Amino acid sequence: TVDDMHAAVGAGIIAIGFVPPYLEADRQTELLLGHGAECVISS
């Protein structure tokens, strides 16, 4: 979630986004990258 990314960035550590299989990958990837994720994975 975006809250996860904000928490990681706020802690000064690496934010990695994860898209679970029940969410739309492209949309969530773009969203998480836009909120601080350094990369987004799904596995």
Full PDB file with SEQRES, HELIX, SHEET, SSBOND, CRYST1, ORIGX, SCALE, CONECT and MASTER records, all heavy atoms in Angstrom:
SEQRES   1 A   43  THR VAL ASP ASP MET HIS ALA ALA VAL GLY ALA GLY ILE          
SEQRES   2 A   43  ILE ALA ILE GLY PHE VAL PRO PRO TYR LEU GLU ALA ASP          
SEQRES   3 A   43  ARG GLN THR GLU LEU LEU LEU GLY HIS GLY ALA GLU CYS          
SEQRES   4 A   43  VAL ILE SER SER                                              
HELIX    1 AA1 VAL A    2  GLY A   10  1                                   9    
HELIX    2 AA2 ALA A   25  GLY A   34  1                                  10    
SHEET    1 AA1 2 ILE A  16  PHE A  18  0                                        
SHEET    2 AA1 2 CYS A  39  ILE A  41  1                                        
CRYST1    1.000    1.000    1.000  90.00  90.00  90.00 P 1           1          
ORIGX1      1.000000  0.000000  0.000000        0.00000                         
ORIGX2      0.000000  1.000000  0.000000        0.00000                         
ORIGX3      0.000000  0.000000  1.000000        0.00000                         
SCALE1      1.000000  0.000000  0.000000        0.00000                         
SCALE2      0.000000  1.000000  0.000000        0.00000                         
SCALE3      0.000000  0.000000  1.000000        0.00000                         
ATOM      1  N   THR A   1       0.821  -1.208   0.000  1.00  0.00           N  
ATOM      2  CA  THR A   1       0.000   0.000   0.000  1.00  0.00           C  
ATOM      3  C   THR A   1       0.856   1.260   0.000  1.00  0.00           C  
ATOM      4  O   THR A   1       2.049   1.227   0.315  1.00  0.00           O  
ATOM      5  CB  THR A   1      -0.919   0.053   1.240  1.00  0.00           C  
ATOM      6  OG1 THR A   1      -0.110   0.249   2.418  1.00  0.00           O  
ATOM      7  CG2 THR A   1      -1.736  -1.217   1.385  1.00  0.00           C  
ATOM      8  N   VAL A   2       0.220   2.371  -0.326  1.00  0.00           N  
ATOM      9  CA  VAL A   2       0.935   3.648  -0.298  1.00  0.00           C  
ATOM     10  C   VAL A   2       1.378   3.977   1.120  1.00  0.00           C  
ATOM     11  O   VAL A   2       2.440   4.590   1.318  1.00  0.00           O  
ATOM     12  CB  VAL A   2       0.073   4.778  -0.896  1.00  0.00           C  
ATOM     13  CG1 VAL A   2      -0.250   4.500  -2.357  1.00  0.00           C  
ATOM     14  CG2 VAL A   2      -1.210   4.998  -0.108  1.00  0.00           C  
ATOM     15  N   ASP A   3       0.596   3.599   2.124  1.00  0.00           N  
ATOM     16  CA  ASP A   3       1.007   3.835   3.509  1.00  0.00           C  
ATOM     17  C   ASP A   3       2.298   3.090   3.845  1.00  0.00           C  
ATOM     18  O   ASP A   3       3.153   3.600   4.574  1.00  0.00           O  
ATOM     19  CB  ASP A   3      -0.099   3.402   4.474  1.00  0.00           C  
ATOM     20  CG  ASP A   3      -1.264   4.376   4.507  1.00  0.00           C  
ATOM     21  OD1 ASP A   3      -1.086   5.526   4.068  1.00  0.00           O  
ATOM     22  OD2 ASP A   3      -2.350   3.987   4.974  1.00  0.00           O  
ATOM     23  N   ASP A   4       2.450   1.885   3.302  1.00  0.00           N  
ATOM     24  CA  ASP A   4       3.686   1.136   3.504  1.00  0.00           C  
ATOM     25  C   ASP A   4       4.873   1.876   2.902  1.00  0.00           C  
ATOM     26  O   ASP A   4       5.952   1.955   3.504  1.00  0.00           O  
ATOM     27  CB  ASP A   4       3.583  -0.250   2.863  1.00  0.00           C  
ATOM     28  CG  ASP A   4       2.595  -1.165   3.565  1.00  0.00           C  
ATOM     29  OD1 ASP A   4       2.422  -1.032   4.786  1.00  0.00           O  
ATOM     30  OD2 ASP A   4       1.996  -2.016   2.878  1.00  0.00           O  
ATOM     31  N   MET A   5       4.691   2.399   1.699  1.00  0.00           N  
ATOM     32  CA  MET A   5       5.777   3.110   1.034  1.00  0.00           C  
ATOM     33  C   MET A   5       6.143   4.376   1.795  1.00  0.00           C  
ATOM     34  O   MET A   5       7.321   4.676   2.006  1.00  0.00           O  
ATOM     35  CB  MET A   5       5.382   3.462  -0.407  1.00  0.00           C  
ATOM     36  CG  MET A   5       5.021   2.260  -1.294  1.00  0.00           C  
ATOM     37  SD  MET A   5       6.318   1.014  -1.464  1.00  0.00           S  
ATOM     38  CE  MET A   5       5.815  -0.220  -0.231  1.00  0.00           C  
ATOM     39  N   HIS A   6       5.149   5.110   2.265  1.00  0.00           N  
ATOM     40  CA  HIS A   6       5.422   6.331   3.019  1.00  0.00           C  
ATOM     41  C   HIS A   6       6.145   6.025   4.332  1.00  0.00           C  
ATOM     42  O   HIS A   6       7.047   6.771   4.735  1.00  0.00           O  
ATOM     43  CB  HIS A   6       4.112   7.065   3.320  1.00  0.00           C  
ATOM     44  CG  HIS A   6       3.446   7.613   2.100  1.00  0.00           C  
ATOM     45  ND1 HIS A   6       2.138   8.055   2.102  1.00  0.00           N  
ATOM     46  CD2 HIS A   6       3.894   7.796   0.827  1.00  0.00           C  
ATOM     47  CE1 HIS A   6       1.810   8.475   0.897  1.00  0.00           C  
ATOM     48  NE2 HIS A   6       2.852   8.325   0.105  1.00  0.00           N  
ATOM     49  N   ALA A   7       5.766   4.936   4.979  1.00  0.00           N  
ATOM     50  CA  ALA A   7       6.412   4.564   6.237  1.00  0.00           C  
ATOM     51  C   ALA A   7       7.874   4.206   6.010  1.00  0.00           C  
ATOM     52  O   ALA A   7       8.758   4.613   6.781  1.00  0.00           O  
ATOM     53  CB  ALA A   7       5.676   3.390   6.885  1.00  0.00           C  
ATOM     54  N   ALA A   8       8.154   3.453   4.954  1.00  0.00           N  
ATOM     55  CA  ALA A   8       9.532   3.075   4.660  1.00  0.00           C  
ATOM     56  C   ALA A   8      10.375   4.291   4.307  1.00  0.00           C  
ATOM     57  O   ALA A   8      11.494   4.453   4.817  1.00  0.00           O  
ATOM     58  CB  ALA A   8       9.563   2.057   3.518  1.00  0.00           C  
ATOM     59  N   VAL A   9       9.848   5.155   3.455  1.00  0.00           N  
ATOM     60  CA  VAL A   9      10.571   6.366   3.077  1.00  0.00           C  
ATOM     61  C   VAL A   9      10.804   7.239   4.309  1.00  0.00           C  
ATOM     62  O   VAL A   9      11.896   7.792   4.510  1.00  0.00           O  
ATOM     63  CB  VAL A   9       9.800   7.141   1.990  1.00  0.00           C  
ATOM     64  CG1 VAL A   9      10.427   8.506   1.760  1.00  0.00           C  
ATOM     65  CG2 VAL A   9       9.781   6.343   0.684  1.00  0.00           C  
ATOM     66  N   GLY A  10       9.802   7.351   5.160  1.00  0.00           N  
ATOM     67  CA  GLY A  10       9.941   8.146   6.373  1.00  0.00           C  
ATOM     68  C   GLY A  10      10.990   7.602   7.324  1.00  0.00           C  
ATOM     69  O   GLY A  10      11.628   8.364   8.064  1.00  0.00           O  
ATOM     70  N   ALA A  11      11.174   6.284   7.300  1.00  0.00           N  
ATOM     71  CA  ALA A  11      12.187   5.654   8.142  1.00  0.00           C  
ATOM     72  C   ALA A  11      13.575   5.717   7.509  1.00  0.00           C  
ATOM     73  O   ALA A  11      14.560   5.302   8.129  1.00  0.00           O  
ATOM     74  CB  ALA A  11      11.812   4.201   8.420  1.00  0.00           C  
ATOM     75  N   GLY A  12      13.649   6.217   6.294  1.00  0.00           N  
ATOM     76  CA  GLY A  12      14.931   6.343   5.619  1.00  0.00           C  
ATOM     77  C   GLY A  12      15.483   5.046   5.085  1.00  0.00           C  
ATOM     78  O   GLY A  12      16.701   4.907   4.899  1.00  0.00           O  
ATOM     79  N   ILE A  13      14.602   4.083   4.805  1.00  0.00           N  
ATOM     80  CA  ILE A  13      15.050   2.794   4.285  1.00  0.00           C  
ATOM     81  C   ILE A  13      14.470   2.568   2.892  1.00  0.00           C  
ATOM     82  O   ILE A  13      13.706   3.388   2.380  1.00  0.00           O  
ATOM     83  CB  ILE A  13      14.664   1.635   5.230  1.00  0.00           C  
ATOM     84  CG1 ILE A  13      13.140   1.475   5.307  1.00  0.00           C  
ATOM     85  CG2 ILE A  13      15.252   1.861   6.626  1.00  0.00           C  
ATOM     86  CD1 ILE A  13      12.697   0.241   6.088  1.00  0.00           C  
ATOM     87  N   ILE A  14      14.827   1.453   2.287  1.00  0.00           N  
ATOM     88  CA  ILE A  14      14.381   1.130   0.935  1.00  0.00           C  
ATOM     89  C   ILE A  14      12.923   0.674   0.958  1.00  0.00           C  
ATOM     90  O   ILE A  14      12.553  -0.200   1.741  1.00  0.00           O  
ATOM     91  CB  ILE A  14      15.261   0.030   0.333  1.00  0.00           C  
ATOM     92  CG1 ILE A  14      16.721   0.485   0.273  1.00  0.00           C  
ATOM     93  CG2 ILE A  14      14.767  -0.379  -1.047  1.00  0.00           C  
ATOM     94  CD1 ILE A  14      17.703  -0.653   0.053  1.00  0.00           C  
ATOM     95  N   ALA A  15      12.103   1.265   0.108  1.00  0.00           N  
ATOM     96  CA  ALA A  15      10.700   0.870  -0.024  1.00  0.00           C  
ATOM     97  C   ALA A  15      10.548  -0.038  -1.235  1.00  0.00           C  
ATOM     98  O   ALA A  15      10.912   0.344  -2.341  1.00  0.00           O  
ATOM     99  CB  ALA A  15       9.807   2.098  -0.176  1.00  0.00           C  
ATOM    100  N   ILE A  16      10.046  -1.246  -1.007  1.00  0.00           N  
ATOM    101  CA  ILE A  16       9.793  -2.193  -2.086  1.00  0.00           C  
ATOM    102  C   ILE A  16       8.297  -2.456  -2.144  1.00  0.00           C  
ATOM    103  O   ILE A  16       7.684  -2.913  -1.172  1.00  0.00           O  
ATOM    104  CB  ILE A  16      10.550  -3.518  -1.879  1.00  0.00           C  
ATOM    105  CG1 ILE A  16      12.063  -3.274  -1.862  1.00  0.00           C  
ATOM    106  CG2 ILE A  16      10.175  -4.530  -2.970  1.00  0.00           C  
ATOM    107  CD1 ILE A  16      12.874  -4.523  -1.600  1.00  0.00           C  
ATOM    108  N   GLY A  17       7.690  -2.154  -3.282  1.00  0.00           N  
ATOM    109  CA  GLY A  17       6.268  -2.406  -3.454  1.00  0.00           C  
ATOM    110  C   GLY A  17       6.016  -3.853  -3.839  1.00  0.00           C  
ATOM    111  O   GLY A  17       6.825  -4.471  -4.528  1.00  0.00           O  
ATOM    112  N   PHE A  18       4.890  -4.374  -3.371  1.00  0.00           N  
ATOM    113  CA  PHE A  18       4.495  -5.756  -3.686  1.00  0.00           C  
ATOM    114  C   PHE A  18       3.055  -5.737  -4.162  1.00  0.00           C  
ATOM    115  O   PHE A  18       2.181  -5.155  -3.505  1.00  0.00           O  
ATOM    116  CB  PHE A  18       4.628  -6.638  -2.449  1.00  0.00           C  
ATOM    117  CG  PHE A  18       4.461  -8.111  -2.720  1.00  0.00           C  
ATOM    118  CD1 PHE A  18       5.559  -8.915  -2.977  1.00  0.00           C  
ATOM    119  CD2 PHE A  18       3.200  -8.701  -2.725  1.00  0.00           C  
ATOM    120  CE1 PHE A  18       5.420 -10.284  -3.231  1.00  0.00           C  
ATOM    121  CE2 PHE A  18       3.040 -10.054  -2.980  1.00  0.00           C  
ATOM    122  CZ  PHE A  18       4.158 -10.847  -3.228  1.00  0.00           C  
ATOM    123  N   VAL A  19       2.794  -6.367  -5.300  1.00  0.00           N  
ATOM    124  CA  VAL A  19       1.423  -6.442  -5.832  1.00  0.00           C  
ATOM    125  C   VAL A  19       0.919  -7.869  -5.681  1.00  0.00           C  
ATOM    126  O   VAL A  19       1.406  -8.780  -6.352  1.00  0.00           O  
ATOM    127  CB  VAL A  19       1.368  -6.019  -7.309  1.00  0.00           C  
ATOM    128  CG1 VAL A  19      -0.075  -6.081  -7.809  1.00  0.00           C  
ATOM    129  CG2 VAL A  19       1.937  -4.621  -7.496  1.00  0.00           C  
ATOM    130  N   PRO A  20      -0.052  -8.100  -4.787  1.00  0.00           N  
ATOM    131  CA  PRO A  20      -0.598  -9.444  -4.632  1.00  0.00           C  
ATOM    132  C   PRO A  20      -1.415  -9.840  -5.858  1.00  0.00           C  
ATOM    133  O   PRO A  20      -1.844  -8.973  -6.640  1.00  0.00           O  
ATOM    134  CB  PRO A  20      -1.489  -9.326  -3.385  1.00  0.00           C  
ATOM    135  CG  PRO A  20      -1.861  -7.884  -3.331  1.00  0.00           C  
ATOM    136  CD  PRO A  20      -0.687  -7.137  -3.881  1.00  0.00           C  
ATOM    137  N   PRO A  21      -1.660 -11.127  -6.056  1.00  0.00           N  
ATOM    138  CA  PRO A  21      -2.302 -11.589  -7.291  1.00  0.00           C  
ATOM    139  C   PRO A  21      -3.737 -11.126  -7.488  1.00  0.00           C  
ATOM    140  O   PRO A  21      -4.250 -11.207  -8.610  1.00  0.00           O  
ATOM    141  CB  PRO A  21      -2.234 -13.117  -7.164  1.00  0.00           C  
ATOM    142  CG  PRO A  21      -2.049 -13.396  -5.707  1.00  0.00           C  
ATOM    143  CD  PRO A  21      -1.252 -12.244  -5.183  1.00  0.00           C  
ATOM    144  N   TYR A  22      -4.381 -10.631  -6.431  1.00  0.00           N  
ATOM    145  CA  TYR A  22      -5.769 -10.217  -6.576  1.00  0.00           C  
ATOM    146  C   TYR A  22      -5.925  -8.736  -6.920  1.00  0.00           C  
ATOM    147  O   TYR A  22      -7.051  -8.221  -6.964  1.00  0.00           O  
ATOM    148  CB  TYR A  22      -6.575 -10.553  -5.314  1.00  0.00           C  
ATOM    149  CG  TYR A  22      -5.924 -10.130  -4.015  1.00  0.00           C  
ATOM    150  CD1 TYR A  22      -6.077  -8.850  -3.496  1.00  0.00           C  
ATOM    151  CD2 TYR A  22      -5.165 -11.041  -3.286  1.00  0.00           C  
ATOM    152  CE1 TYR A  22      -5.494  -8.477  -2.308  1.00  0.00           C  
ATOM    153  CE2 TYR A  22      -4.574 -10.686  -2.087  1.00  0.00           C  
ATOM    154  CZ  TYR A  22      -4.744  -9.405  -1.608  1.00  0.00           C  
ATOM    155  OH  TYR A  22      -4.138  -9.043  -0.409  1.00  0.00           O  
ATOM    156  N   LEU A  23      -4.815  -8.036  -7.161  1.00  0.00           N  
ATOM    157  CA  LEU A  23      -4.883  -6.635  -7.570  1.00  0.00           C  
ATOM    158  C   LEU A  23      -4.342  -6.483  -8.989  1.00  0.00           C  
ATOM    159  O   LEU A  23      -3.561  -7.305  -9.464  1.00  0.00           O  
ATOM    160  CB  LEU A  23      -4.091  -5.747  -6.610  1.00  0.00           C  
ATOM    161  CG  LEU A  23      -4.603  -5.686  -5.170  1.00  0.00           C  
ATOM    162  CD1 LEU A  23      -3.766  -4.714  -4.355  1.00  0.00           C  
ATOM    163  CD2 LEU A  23      -6.075  -5.280  -5.124  1.00  0.00           C  
ATOM    164  N   GLU A  24      -4.743  -5.398  -9.638  1.00  0.00           N  
ATOM    165  CA  GLU A  24      -4.340  -5.144 -11.021  1.00  0.00           C  
ATOM    166  C   GLU A  24      -2.895  -4.643 -11.027  1.00  0.00           C  
ATOM    167  O   GLU A  24      -2.590  -3.583 -10.482  1.00  0.00           O  
ATOM    168  CB  GLU A  24      -5.278  -4.109 -11.633  1.00  0.00           C  
ATOM    169  CG  GLU A  24      -5.293  -4.121 -13.149  1.00  0.00           C  
ATOM    170  CD  GLU A  24      -4.131  -3.340 -13.712  1.00  0.00           C  
ATOM    171  OE1 GLU A  24      -3.940  -2.182 -13.319  1.00  0.00           O  
ATOM    172  OE2 GLU A  24      -3.404  -3.908 -14.554  1.00  0.00           O  
ATOM    173  N   ALA A  25      -2.012  -5.398 -11.660  1.00  0.00           N  
ATOM    174  CA  ALA A  25      -0.569  -5.186 -11.514  1.00  0.00           C  
ATOM    175  C   ALA A  25      -0.104  -3.830 -12.044  1.00  0.00           C  
ATOM    176  O   ALA A  25       0.633  -3.112 -11.358  1.00  0.00           O  
ATOM    177  CB  ALA A  25       0.193  -6.317 -12.194  1.00  0.00           C  
ATOM    178  N   ASP A  26      -0.504  -3.470 -13.259  1.00  0.00           N  
ATOM    179  CA  ASP A  26       0.010  -2.239 -13.857  1.00  0.00           C  
ATOM    180  C   ASP A  26      -0.390  -1.016 -13.044  1.00  0.00           C  
ATOM    181  O   ASP A  26       0.433  -0.124 -12.783  1.00  0.00           O  
ATOM    182  CB  ASP A  26      -0.491  -2.104 -15.295  1.00  0.00           C  
ATOM    183  CG  ASP A  26       0.159  -3.114 -16.227  1.00  0.00           C  
ATOM    184  OD1 ASP A  26       1.197  -3.692 -15.847  1.00  0.00           O  
ATOM    185  OD2 ASP A  26      -0.385  -3.336 -17.330  1.00  0.00           O  
ATOM    186  N   ARG A  27      -1.640  -0.963 -12.648  1.00  0.00           N  
ATOM    187  CA  ARG A  27      -2.123   0.196 -11.902  1.00  0.00           C  
ATOM    188  C   ARG A  27      -1.425   0.303 -10.546  1.00  0.00           C  
ATOM    189  O   ARG A  27      -0.994   1.389 -10.142  1.00  0.00           O  
ATOM    190  CB  ARG A  27      -3.637   0.091 -11.699  1.00  0.00           C  
ATOM    191  CG  ARG A  27      -4.216   1.264 -10.923  1.00  0.00           C  
ATOM    192  CD  ARG A  27      -5.692   1.091 -10.659  1.00  0.00           C  
ATOM    193  NE  ARG A  27      -6.245   2.213  -9.918  1.00  0.00           N  
ATOM    194  CZ  ARG A  27      -7.447   2.228  -9.366  1.00  0.00           C  
ATOM    195  NH1 ARG A  27      -8.246   1.190  -9.514  1.00  0.00           N  
ATOM    196  NH2 ARG A  27      -7.871   3.278  -8.709  1.00  0.00           N  
ATOM    197  N   GLN A  28      -1.311  -0.806  -9.838  1.00  0.00           N  
ATOM    198  CA  GLN A  28      -0.696  -0.768  -8.514  1.00  0.00           C  
ATOM    199  C   GLN A  28       0.800  -0.481  -8.606  1.00  0.00           C  
ATOM    200  O   GLN A  28       1.355   0.221  -7.754  1.00  0.00           O  
ATOM    201  CB  GLN A  28      -0.935  -2.079  -7.777  1.00  0.00           C  
ATOM    202  CG  GLN A  28      -2.383  -2.328  -7.386  1.00  0.00           C  
ATOM    203  CD  GLN A  28      -2.968  -1.212  -6.552  1.00  0.00           C  
ATOM    204  OE1 GLN A  28      -3.924  -0.540  -6.959  1.00  0.00           O  
ATOM    205  NE2 GLN A  28      -2.407  -0.996  -5.375  1.00  0.00           N  
ATOM    206  N   THR A  29       1.441  -0.999  -9.632  1.00  0.00           N  
ATOM    207  CA  THR A  29       2.867  -0.721  -9.811  1.00  0.00           C  
ATOM    208  C   THR A  29       3.104   0.768  -9.985  1.00  0.00           C  
ATOM    209  O   THR A  29       3.973   1.367  -9.326  1.00  0.00           O  
ATOM    210  CB  THR A  29       3.412  -1.488 -11.024  1.00  0.00           C  
ATOM    211  OG1 THR A  29       3.314  -2.893 -10.775  1.00  0.00           O  
ATOM    212  CG2 THR A  29       4.863  -1.120 -11.296  1.00  0.00           C  
ATOM    213  N   GLU A  30       2.334   1.395 -10.856  1.00  0.00           N  
ATOM    214  CA  GLU A  30       2.469   2.834 -11.085  1.00  0.00           C  
ATOM    215  C   GLU A  30       2.192   3.617  -9.801  1.00  0.00           C  
ATOM    216  O   GLU A  30       2.908   4.581  -9.476  1.00  0.00           O  
ATOM    217  CB  GLU A  30       1.507   3.272 -12.191  1.00  0.00           C  
ATOM    218  CG  GLU A  30       1.595   4.746 -12.537  1.00  0.00           C  
ATOM    219  CD  GLU A  30       0.645   5.141 -13.653  1.00  0.00           C  
ATOM    220  OE1 GLU A  30      -0.088   4.266 -14.151  1.00  0.00           O  
ATOM    221  OE2 GLU A  30       0.657   6.331 -14.038  1.00  0.00           O  
ATOM    222  N   LEU A  31       1.178   3.213  -9.070  1.00  0.00           N  
ATOM    223  CA  LEU A  31       0.805   3.900  -7.842  1.00  0.00           C  
ATOM    224  C   LEU A  31       1.934   3.815  -6.808  1.00  0.00           C  
ATOM    225  O   LEU A  31       2.331   4.830  -6.221  1.00  0.00           O  
ATOM    226  CB  LEU A  31      -0.467   3.268  -7.263  1.00  0.00           C  
ATOM    227  CG  LEU A  31      -0.951   3.849  -5.931  1.00  0.00           C  
ATOM    228  CD1 LEU A  31      -1.619   5.199  -6.158  1.00  0.00           C  
ATOM    229  CD2 LEU A  31      -1.923   2.880  -5.249  1.00  0.00           C  
ATOM    230  N   LEU A  32       2.457   2.613  -6.581  1.00  0.00           N  
ATOM    231  CA  LEU A  32       3.481   2.431  -5.553  1.00  0.00           C  
ATOM    232  C   LEU A  32       4.778   3.133  -5.929  1.00  0.00           C  
ATOM    233  O   LEU A  32       5.443   3.728  -5.070  1.00  0.00           O  
ATOM    234  CB  LEU A  32       3.709   0.942  -5.310  1.00  0.00           C  
ATOM    235  CG  LEU A  32       2.502   0.176  -4.740  1.00  0.00           C  
ATOM    236  CD1 LEU A  32       2.802  -1.317  -4.661  1.00  0.00           C  
ATOM    237  CD2 LEU A  32       2.088   0.701  -3.377  1.00  0.00           C  
ATOM    238  N   LEU A  33       5.141   3.098  -7.196  1.00  0.00           N  
ATOM    239  CA  LEU A  33       6.321   3.831  -7.642  1.00  0.00           C  
ATOM    240  C   LEU A  33       6.142   5.332  -7.416  1.00  0.00           C  
ATOM    241  O   LEU A  33       7.090   6.037  -7.042  1.00  0.00           O  
ATOM    242  CB  LEU A  33       6.597   3.550  -9.118  1.00  0.00           C  
ATOM    243  CG  LEU A  33       7.131   2.153  -9.458  1.00  0.00           C  
ATOM    244  CD1 LEU A  33       7.166   1.962 -10.973  1.00  0.00           C  
ATOM    245  CD2 LEU A  33       8.517   1.928  -8.856  1.00  0.00           C  
ATOM    246  N   GLY A  34       4.933   5.806  -7.611  1.00  0.00           N  
ATOM    247  CA  GLY A  34       4.652   7.219  -7.418  1.00  0.00           C  
ATOM    248  C   GLY A  34       4.655   7.654  -5.969  1.00  0.00           C  
ATOM    249  O   GLY A  34       4.683   8.862  -5.677  1.00  0.00           O  
ATOM    250  N   HIS A  35       4.642   6.696  -5.053  1.00  0.00           N  
ATOM    251  CA  HIS A  35       4.651   7.006  -3.619  1.00  0.00           C  
ATOM    252  C   HIS A  35       5.925   6.541  -2.930  1.00  0.00           C  
ATOM    253  O   HIS A  35       5.922   6.334  -1.712  1.00  0.00           O  
ATOM    254  CB  HIS A  35       3.420   6.401  -2.948  1.00  0.00           C  
ATOM    255  CG  HIS A  35       2.152   7.157  -3.249  1.00  0.00           C  
ATOM    256  ND1 HIS A  35       1.683   8.193  -2.459  1.00  0.00           N  
ATOM    257  CD2 HIS A  35       1.277   7.055  -4.283  1.00  0.00           C  
ATOM    258  CE1 HIS A  35       0.577   8.671  -2.967  1.00  0.00           C  
ATOM    259  NE2 HIS A  35       0.295   8.008  -4.081  1.00  0.00           N  
ATOM    260  N   GLY A  36       6.981   6.395  -3.701  1.00  0.00           N  
ATOM    261  CA  GLY A  36       8.282   6.187  -3.070  1.00  0.00           C  
ATOM    262  C   GLY A  36       8.924   4.831  -3.233  1.00  0.00           C  
ATOM    263  O   GLY A  36      10.061   4.629  -2.774  1.00  0.00           O  
ATOM    264  N   ALA A  37       8.225   3.873  -3.841  1.00  0.00           N  
ATOM    265  CA  ALA A  37       8.831   2.549  -4.017  1.00  0.00           C  
ATOM    266  C   ALA A  37      10.027   2.651  -4.962  1.00  0.00           C  
ATOM    267  O   ALA A  37       9.948   3.293  -6.011  1.00  0.00           O  
ATOM    268  CB  ALA A  37       7.820   1.564  -4.589  1.00  0.00           C  
ATOM    269  N   GLU A  38      11.128   1.999  -4.588  1.00  0.00           N  
ATOM    270  CA  GLU A  38      12.297   1.962  -5.465  1.00  0.00           C  
ATOM    271  C   GLU A  38      12.115   0.912  -6.559  1.00  0.00           C  
ATOM    272  O   GLU A  38      12.722   1.014  -7.626  1.00  0.00           O  
ATOM    273  CB  GLU A  38      13.559   1.696  -4.654  1.00  0.00           C  
ATOM    274  CG  GLU A  38      13.882   2.837  -3.694  1.00  0.00           C  
ATOM    275  CD  GLU A  38      15.311   2.825  -3.219  1.00  0.00           C  
ATOM    276  OE1 GLU A  38      16.170   2.178  -3.855  1.00  0.00           O  
ATOM    277  OE2 GLU A  38      15.573   3.463  -2.188  1.00  0.00           O  
ATOM    278  N   CYS A  39      11.306  -0.082  -6.274  1.00  0.00           N  
ATOM    279  CA  CYS A  39      10.938  -1.075  -7.275  1.00  0.00           C  
ATOM    280  C   CYS A  39       9.642  -1.727  -6.815  1.00  0.00           C  
ATOM    281  O   CYS A  39       9.261  -1.603  -5.646  1.00  0.00           O  
ATOM    282  CB  CYS A  39      12.035  -2.126  -7.473  1.00  0.00           C  
ATOM    283  SG  CYS A  39      12.371  -3.132  -6.002  1.00  0.00           S  
ATOM    284  N   VAL A  40       8.969  -2.399  -7.719  1.00  0.00           N  
ATOM    285  CA  VAL A  40       7.720  -3.090  -7.395  1.00  0.00           C  
ATOM    286  C   VAL A  40       7.823  -4.511  -7.919  1.00  0.00           C  
ATOM    287  O   VAL A  40       8.195  -4.733  -9.075  1.00  0.00           O  
ATOM    288  CB  VAL A  40       6.491  -2.381  -8.003  1.00  0.00           C  
ATOM    289  CG1 VAL A  40       5.215  -3.147  -7.685  1.00  0.00           C  
ATOM    290  CG2 VAL A  40       6.392  -0.950  -7.479  1.00  0.00           C  
ATOM    291  N   ILE A  41       7.482  -5.476  -7.079  1.00  0.00           N  
ATOM    292  CA  ILE A  41       7.579  -6.893  -7.432  1.00  0.00           C  
ATOM    293  C   ILE A  41       6.229  -7.560  -7.204  1.00  0.00           C  
ATOM    294  O   ILE A  41       5.343  -7.002  -6.562  1.00  0.00           O  
ATOM    295  CB  ILE A  41       8.669  -7.608  -6.608  1.00  0.00           C  
ATOM    296  CG1 ILE A  41       8.348  -7.514  -5.109  1.00  0.00           C  
ATOM    297  CG2 ILE A  41      10.047  -7.015  -6.898  1.00  0.00           C  
ATOM    298  CD1 ILE A  41       9.320  -8.271  -4.214  1.00  0.00           C  
ATOM    299  N   SER A  42       6.098  -8.763  -7.720  1.00  0.00           N  
ATOM    300  CA  SER A  42       4.862  -9.521  -7.512  1.00  0.00           C  
ATOM    301  C   SER A  42       5.150 -10.981  -7.199  1.00  0.00           C  
ATOM    302  O   SER A  42       4.246 -11.813  -7.251  1.00  0.00           O  
ATOM    303  CB  SER A  42       3.954  -9.417  -8.748  1.00  0.00           C  
ATOM    304  OG  SER A  42       4.625  -9.906  -9.894  1.00  0.00           O  
ATOM    305  N   SER A  43       6.424 -11.287  -6.889  1.00  0.00           N  
ATOM    306  CA  SER A  43       6.778 -12.660  -6.557  1.00  0.00           C  
ATOM    307  C   SER A  43       7.968 -12.674  -5.614  1.00  0.00           C  
ATOM    308  O   SER A  43       8.749 -11.707  -5.551  1.00  0.00           O  
ATOM    309  CB  SER A  43       7.125 -13.449  -7.822  1.00  0.00           C  
ATOM    310  OG  SER A  43       8.393 -13.050  -8.321  1.00  0.00           O  
TER     311      SER A  43                                                      
MASTER        0    0    0    2    2    0    0    6  310    1    0    4          
END                                                                             
